[in-house]
Amino acid sequence: MASLRMRRGKWYSRTQWWDGKSGLTYDGVQVFLAPGLPANDMVATTISNLYYGCGILEDLSEIRLIDTSDSLGDQNVRFVARWKAGVQVGLLEEVTYYS
């Protein structure tokens, strides 16, 4: 791994930049942490190609409203929801995956 050097108040290693405030960039593209993605993997695509996906029609999905006026004597309602959610890809041809 190449050593990092300081130039104009920013740390750099060839085309990788980090100034401690705006995040890490590589060739002008901002790099984000993706929770759930393995440590040595990387995915590149446009944000318009990513969608929120959820499995609300499965048997394990649940949404409940609990009226607490009988048990606690207040005028509150509690909301309980359990379902699966994740990132879905629109066009697989527009995704680059590195492992």
N, C-alpha and C. Protein backbone atom coordinates (compact mmCIF):
# COMPACT_ATOMS: atom_id res chain seq x y z
N MET A 1 0.85 -1.19 0.00
CA MET A 1 0.00 0.00 0.00
C MET A 1 0.88 1.23 0.00
N ALA A 2 0.55 2.18 -0.83
CA ALA A 2 1.33 3.42 -0.93
C ALA A 2 1.14 4.27 0.32
N SER A 3 2.18 5.02 0.68
CA SER A 3 2.08 5.88 1.85
C SER A 3 1.24 7.12 1.52
N LEU A 4 0.55 7.62 2.51
CA LEU A 4 -0.27 8.81 2.34
C LEU A 4 0.59 10.05 2.50
N ARG A 5 0.32 11.08 1.73
CA ARG A 5 1.04 12.35 1.82
C ARG A 5 0.03 13.48 1.91
N MET A 6 0.47 14.60 2.45
CA MET A 6 -0.40 15.76 2.61
C MET A 6 -0.13 16.74 1.47
N ARG A 7 -1.20 17.22 0.83
CA ARG A 7 -1.10 18.24 -0.20
C ARG A 7 -2.28 19.19 -0.04
N ARG A 8 -2.00 20.48 0.13
CA ARG A 8 -3.04 21.51 0.30
C ARG A 8 -4.06 21.15 1.38
N GLY A 9 -3.57 20.60 2.49
CA GLY A 9 -4.44 20.29 3.62
C GLY A 9 -5.23 19.01 3.48
N LYS A 10 -4.94 18.20 2.44
CA LYS A 10 -5.66 16.94 2.25
C LYS A 10 -4.66 15.80 2.15
N TRP A 11 -5.04 14.66 2.71
CA TRP A 11 -4.23 13.46 2.58
C TRP A 11 -4.54 12.82 1.24
N TYR A 12 -3.50 12.34 0.55
CA TYR A 12 -3.75 11.72 -0.74
C TYR A 12 -2.81 10.54 -0.96
N SER A 13 -3.23 9.62 -1.78
CA SER A 13 -2.43 8.51 -2.25
C SER A 13 -2.87 8.28 -3.69
N ARG A 14 -2.13 8.84 -4.62
CA ARG A 14 -2.45 8.82 -6.05
C ARG A 14 -3.78 9.52 -6.28
N THR A 15 -4.87 8.78 -6.53
CA THR A 15 -6.16 9.43 -6.81
C THR A 15 -7.14 9.32 -5.65
N GLN A 16 -6.66 8.90 -4.50
CA GLN A 16 -7.52 8.75 -3.33
C GLN A 16 -7.33 9.96 -2.42
N TRP A 17 -8.45 10.61 -2.01
CA TRP A 17 -8.40 11.81 -1.19
C TRP A 17 -9.24 11.65 0.06
N TRP A 18 -8.73 12.22 1.16
CA TRP A 18 -9.49 12.25 2.41
C TRP A 18 -9.07 13.47 3.19
N ASP A 19 -10.05 14.36 3.48
CA ASP A 19 -9.72 15.58 4.23
C ASP A 19 -10.26 15.53 5.66
N GLY A 20 -10.85 14.42 6.07
CA GLY A 20 -11.34 14.29 7.43
C GLY A 20 -12.70 14.89 7.65
N LYS A 21 -13.28 15.57 6.67
CA LYS A 21 -14.58 16.23 6.84
C LYS A 21 -15.62 15.73 5.86
N SER A 22 -15.27 15.70 4.58
CA SER A 22 -16.27 15.39 3.56
C SER A 22 -16.29 13.92 3.15
N GLY A 23 -15.49 13.08 3.76
CA GLY A 23 -15.50 11.66 3.42
C GLY A 23 -14.41 11.29 2.42
N LEU A 24 -14.31 10.03 2.14
CA LEU A 24 -13.29 9.50 1.26
C LEU A 24 -13.76 9.54 -0.19
N THR A 25 -12.91 10.01 -1.09
CA THR A 25 -13.22 10.00 -2.52
C THR A 25 -12.12 9.26 -3.27
N TYR A 26 -12.49 8.67 -4.39
CA TYR A 26 -11.55 7.98 -5.26
C TYR A 26 -11.86 8.39 -6.68
N ASP A 27 -10.92 9.05 -7.34
CA ASP A 27 -11.12 9.61 -8.68
C ASP A 27 -12.34 10.52 -8.74
N GLY A 28 -12.60 11.26 -7.68
CA GLY A 28 -13.71 12.19 -7.64
C GLY A 28 -15.05 11.57 -7.26
N VAL A 29 -15.09 10.27 -7.01
CA VAL A 29 -16.33 9.58 -6.63
C VAL A 29 -16.28 9.32 -5.13
N GLN A 30 -17.33 9.73 -4.42
CA GLN A 30 -17.37 9.54 -2.98
C GLN A 30 -17.61 8.07 -2.65
N VAL A 31 -16.86 7.56 -1.67
CA VAL A 31 -16.94 6.16 -1.25
C VAL A 31 -17.75 6.10 0.04
N PHE A 32 -18.74 5.19 0.09
CA PHE A 32 -19.61 5.05 1.25
C PHE A 32 -19.45 3.66 1.86
N LEU A 33 -19.67 3.56 3.15
CA LEU A 33 -19.71 2.28 3.84
C LEU A 33 -21.09 1.66 3.63
N ALA A 34 -21.13 0.39 3.29
CA ALA A 34 -22.40 -0.32 3.09
C ALA A 34 -22.53 -1.41 4.14
N PRO A 35 -23.28 -1.17 5.22
CA PRO A 35 -23.46 -2.19 6.25
C PRO A 35 -24.08 -3.46 5.65
N GLY A 36 -23.51 -4.61 5.99
CA GLY A 36 -24.00 -5.88 5.48
C GLY A 36 -23.21 -6.39 4.30
N LEU A 37 -22.42 -5.55 3.65
CA LEU A 37 -21.57 -5.97 2.55
C LEU A 37 -20.27 -6.51 3.12
N PRO A 38 -19.80 -7.68 2.64
CA PRO A 38 -18.54 -8.24 3.17
C PRO A 38 -17.38 -7.25 3.06
N ALA A 39 -16.40 -7.39 3.94
CA ALA A 39 -15.31 -6.42 4.06
C ALA A 39 -14.48 -6.25 2.79
N ASN A 40 -14.30 -7.28 2.01
CA ASN A 40 -13.44 -7.19 0.82
C ASN A 40 -14.23 -7.04 -0.47
N ASP A 41 -15.49 -6.66 -0.40
CA ASP A 41 -16.33 -6.51 -1.58
C ASP A 41 -16.64 -5.04 -1.82
N MET A 42 -16.95 -4.71 -3.08
CA MET A 42 -17.27 -3.34 -3.44
C MET A 42 -18.31 -3.36 -4.56
N VAL A 43 -19.26 -2.44 -4.51
CA VAL A 43 -20.30 -2.32 -5.53
C VAL A 43 -20.31 -0.89 -6.04
N ALA A 44 -20.37 -0.73 -7.37
CA ALA A 44 -20.43 0.60 -7.96
C ALA A 44 -21.61 0.68 -8.91
N THR A 45 -22.46 1.69 -8.72
CA THR A 45 -23.59 1.96 -9.60
C THR A 45 -24.09 3.36 -9.31
N THR A 46 -25.03 3.83 -10.10
CA THR A 46 -25.61 5.14 -9.83
C THR A 46 -26.72 5.00 -8.79
N ILE A 47 -26.98 6.06 -8.05
CA ILE A 47 -28.00 6.01 -7.01
C ILE A 47 -29.40 5.83 -7.61
N SER A 48 -29.59 6.27 -8.85
CA SER A 48 -30.89 6.11 -9.49
C SER A 48 -31.18 4.66 -9.86
N ASN A 49 -30.18 3.79 -9.76
CA ASN A 49 -30.35 2.37 -10.07
C ASN A 49 -30.63 1.54 -8.81
N LEU A 50 -30.68 2.18 -7.65
CA LEU A 50 -30.92 1.48 -6.39
C LEU A 50 -32.30 1.83 -5.85
N TYR A 51 -32.99 0.84 -5.31
CA TYR A 51 -34.35 1.01 -4.79
C TYR A 51 -34.48 0.35 -3.43
N TYR A 52 -35.40 0.86 -2.63
CA TYR A 52 -35.76 0.25 -1.35
C TYR A 52 -36.71 -0.89 -1.63
N GLY A 53 -36.36 -2.07 -1.17
CA GLY A 53 -37.22 -3.23 -1.36
C GLY A 53 -37.61 -3.83 -0.02
N CYS A 54 -38.84 -4.31 0.06
CA CYS A 54 -39.30 -4.93 1.31
C CYS A 54 -40.23 -6.10 1.00
N GLY A 55 -40.29 -7.03 1.93
CA GLY A 55 -41.11 -8.21 1.76
C GLY A 55 -42.35 -8.16 2.64
N ILE A 56 -43.25 -7.23 2.37
CA ILE A 56 -44.42 -7.06 3.23
C ILE A 56 -45.53 -8.07 2.95
N LEU A 57 -45.44 -8.79 1.84
CA LEU A 57 -46.48 -9.77 1.52
C LEU A 57 -46.15 -11.17 2.02
N GLU A 58 -45.04 -11.35 2.73
CA GLU A 58 -44.66 -12.66 3.24
C GLU A 58 -45.46 -12.99 4.50
N ASP A 59 -45.45 -14.26 4.86
CA ASP A 59 -46.16 -14.71 6.05
C ASP A 59 -45.52 -14.21 7.34
N LEU A 60 -44.24 -13.89 7.32
CA LEU A 60 -43.54 -13.46 8.53
C LEU A 60 -43.66 -11.96 8.77
N SER A 61 -44.29 -11.23 7.87
CA SER A 61 -44.46 -9.79 8.04
C SER A 61 -45.62 -9.51 9.00
N GLU A 62 -45.45 -8.45 9.80
CA GLU A 62 -46.47 -8.15 10.81
C GLU A 62 -46.52 -6.66 11.06
N ILE A 63 -47.72 -6.11 11.10
CA ILE A 63 -47.94 -4.71 11.48
C ILE A 63 -49.11 -4.70 12.46
N ARG A 64 -48.88 -4.14 13.66
CA ARG A 64 -49.92 -4.12 14.69
C ARG A 64 -50.03 -2.76 15.33
N LEU A 65 -51.23 -2.40 15.70
CA LEU A 65 -51.50 -1.23 16.53
C LEU A 65 -51.98 -1.72 17.88
N ILE A 66 -51.37 -1.23 18.96
CA ILE A 66 -51.72 -1.67 20.31
C ILE A 66 -52.29 -0.47 21.07
N ASP A 67 -53.54 -0.57 21.48
CA ASP A 67 -54.18 0.48 22.27
C ASP A 67 -53.82 0.25 23.73
N THR A 68 -53.11 1.20 24.34
CA THR A 68 -52.65 1.03 25.73
C THR A 68 -53.59 1.67 26.75
N SER A 69 -54.77 2.08 26.33
CA SER A 69 -55.69 2.71 27.29
C SER A 69 -56.21 1.71 28.33
N ASP A 70 -56.41 0.45 27.95
CA ASP A 70 -56.89 -0.55 28.91
C ASP A 70 -55.79 -1.00 29.87
N SER A 71 -54.58 -1.16 29.39
CA SER A 71 -53.51 -1.69 30.24
C SER A 71 -52.77 -0.61 31.03
N LEU A 72 -52.54 0.56 30.43
CA LEU A 72 -51.78 1.62 31.10
C LEU A 72 -52.62 2.81 31.52
N GLY A 73 -53.84 2.88 31.03
CA GLY A 73 -54.72 3.98 31.40
C GLY A 73 -54.42 5.29 30.71
N ASP A 74 -53.62 5.27 29.69
CA ASP A 74 -53.31 6.51 28.97
C ASP A 74 -54.05 6.54 27.63
N GLN A 75 -53.82 7.54 26.85
CA GLN A 75 -54.49 7.67 25.54
C GLN A 75 -53.47 7.55 24.41
N ASN A 76 -52.64 6.50 24.50
CA ASN A 76 -51.60 6.28 23.50
C ASN A 76 -51.86 5.02 22.70
N VAL A 77 -51.29 4.99 21.53
CA VAL A 77 -51.33 3.81 20.67
C VAL A 77 -49.90 3.48 20.29
N ARG A 78 -49.54 2.21 20.40
CA ARG A 78 -48.20 1.78 20.02
C ARG A 78 -48.26 1.06 18.69
N PHE A 79 -47.24 1.30 17.89
CA PHE A 79 -47.14 0.75 16.55
C PHE A 79 -46.00 -0.25 16.52
N VAL A 80 -46.28 -1.49 16.10
CA VAL A 80 -45.27 -2.54 15.99
C VAL A 80 -45.24 -3.02 14.55
N ALA A 81 -44.05 -3.06 13.97
CA ALA A 81 -43.91 -3.52 12.58
C ALA A 81 -42.67 -4.38 12.45
N ARG A 82 -42.83 -5.52 11.78
CA ARG A 82 -41.71 -6.41 11.50
C ARG A 82 -41.81 -6.86 10.06
N TRP A 83 -40.74 -6.61 9.28
CA TRP A 83 -40.68 -7.08 7.91
C TRP A 83 -39.23 -7.06 7.45
N LYS A 84 -38.99 -7.67 6.33
CA LYS A 84 -37.65 -7.68 5.74
C LYS A 84 -37.51 -6.49 4.81
N ALA A 85 -36.31 -5.91 4.79
CA ALA A 85 -36.05 -4.78 3.90
C ALA A 85 -34.61 -4.84 3.42
N GLY A 86 -34.37 -4.27 2.26
CA GLY A 86 -33.02 -4.25 1.72
C GLY A 86 -32.95 -3.38 0.48
N VAL A 87 -31.77 -3.37 -0.13
CA VAL A 87 -31.54 -2.60 -1.34
C VAL A 87 -31.78 -3.49 -2.55
N GLN A 88 -32.55 -2.99 -3.50
CA GLN A 88 -32.82 -3.72 -4.74
C GLN A 88 -32.18 -2.97 -5.89
N VAL A 89 -31.76 -3.71 -6.92
CA VAL A 89 -31.09 -3.13 -8.08
C VAL A 89 -32.06 -3.10 -9.25
N GLY A 90 -32.12 -1.96 -9.94
CA GLY A 90 -33.00 -1.83 -11.10
C GLY A 90 -32.48 -2.59 -12.31
N LEU A 91 -31.31 -2.20 -12.82
CA LEU A 91 -30.70 -2.85 -13.99
C LEU A 91 -29.36 -3.44 -13.58
N LEU A 92 -29.26 -4.76 -13.59
CA LEU A 92 -28.04 -5.44 -13.18
C LEU A 92 -26.87 -5.13 -14.10
N GLU A 93 -27.15 -4.81 -15.37
CA GLU A 93 -26.09 -4.49 -16.33
C GLU A 93 -25.35 -3.20 -15.96
N GLU A 94 -25.95 -2.35 -15.14
CA GLU A 94 -25.35 -1.07 -14.76
C GLU A 94 -24.65 -1.13 -13.42
N VAL A 95 -24.37 -2.34 -12.93
CA VAL A 95 -23.71 -2.53 -11.63
C VAL A 95 -22.35 -3.19 -11.85
N THR A 96 -21.32 -2.65 -11.19
CA THR A 96 -20.01 -3.29 -11.19
C THR A 96 -19.78 -3.82 -9.79
N TYR A 97 -19.48 -5.12 -9.69
CA TYR A 97 -19.28 -5.78 -8.40
C TYR A 97 -17.85 -6.27 -8.33
N TYR A 98 -17.13 -5.90 -7.28
CA TYR A 98 -15.76 -6.33 -7.07
C TYR A 98 -15.68 -7.16 -5.81
N SER A 99 -15.07 -8.31 -5.92
CA SER A 99 -14.92 -9.18 -4.75
C SER A 99 -13.48 -9.61 -4.61
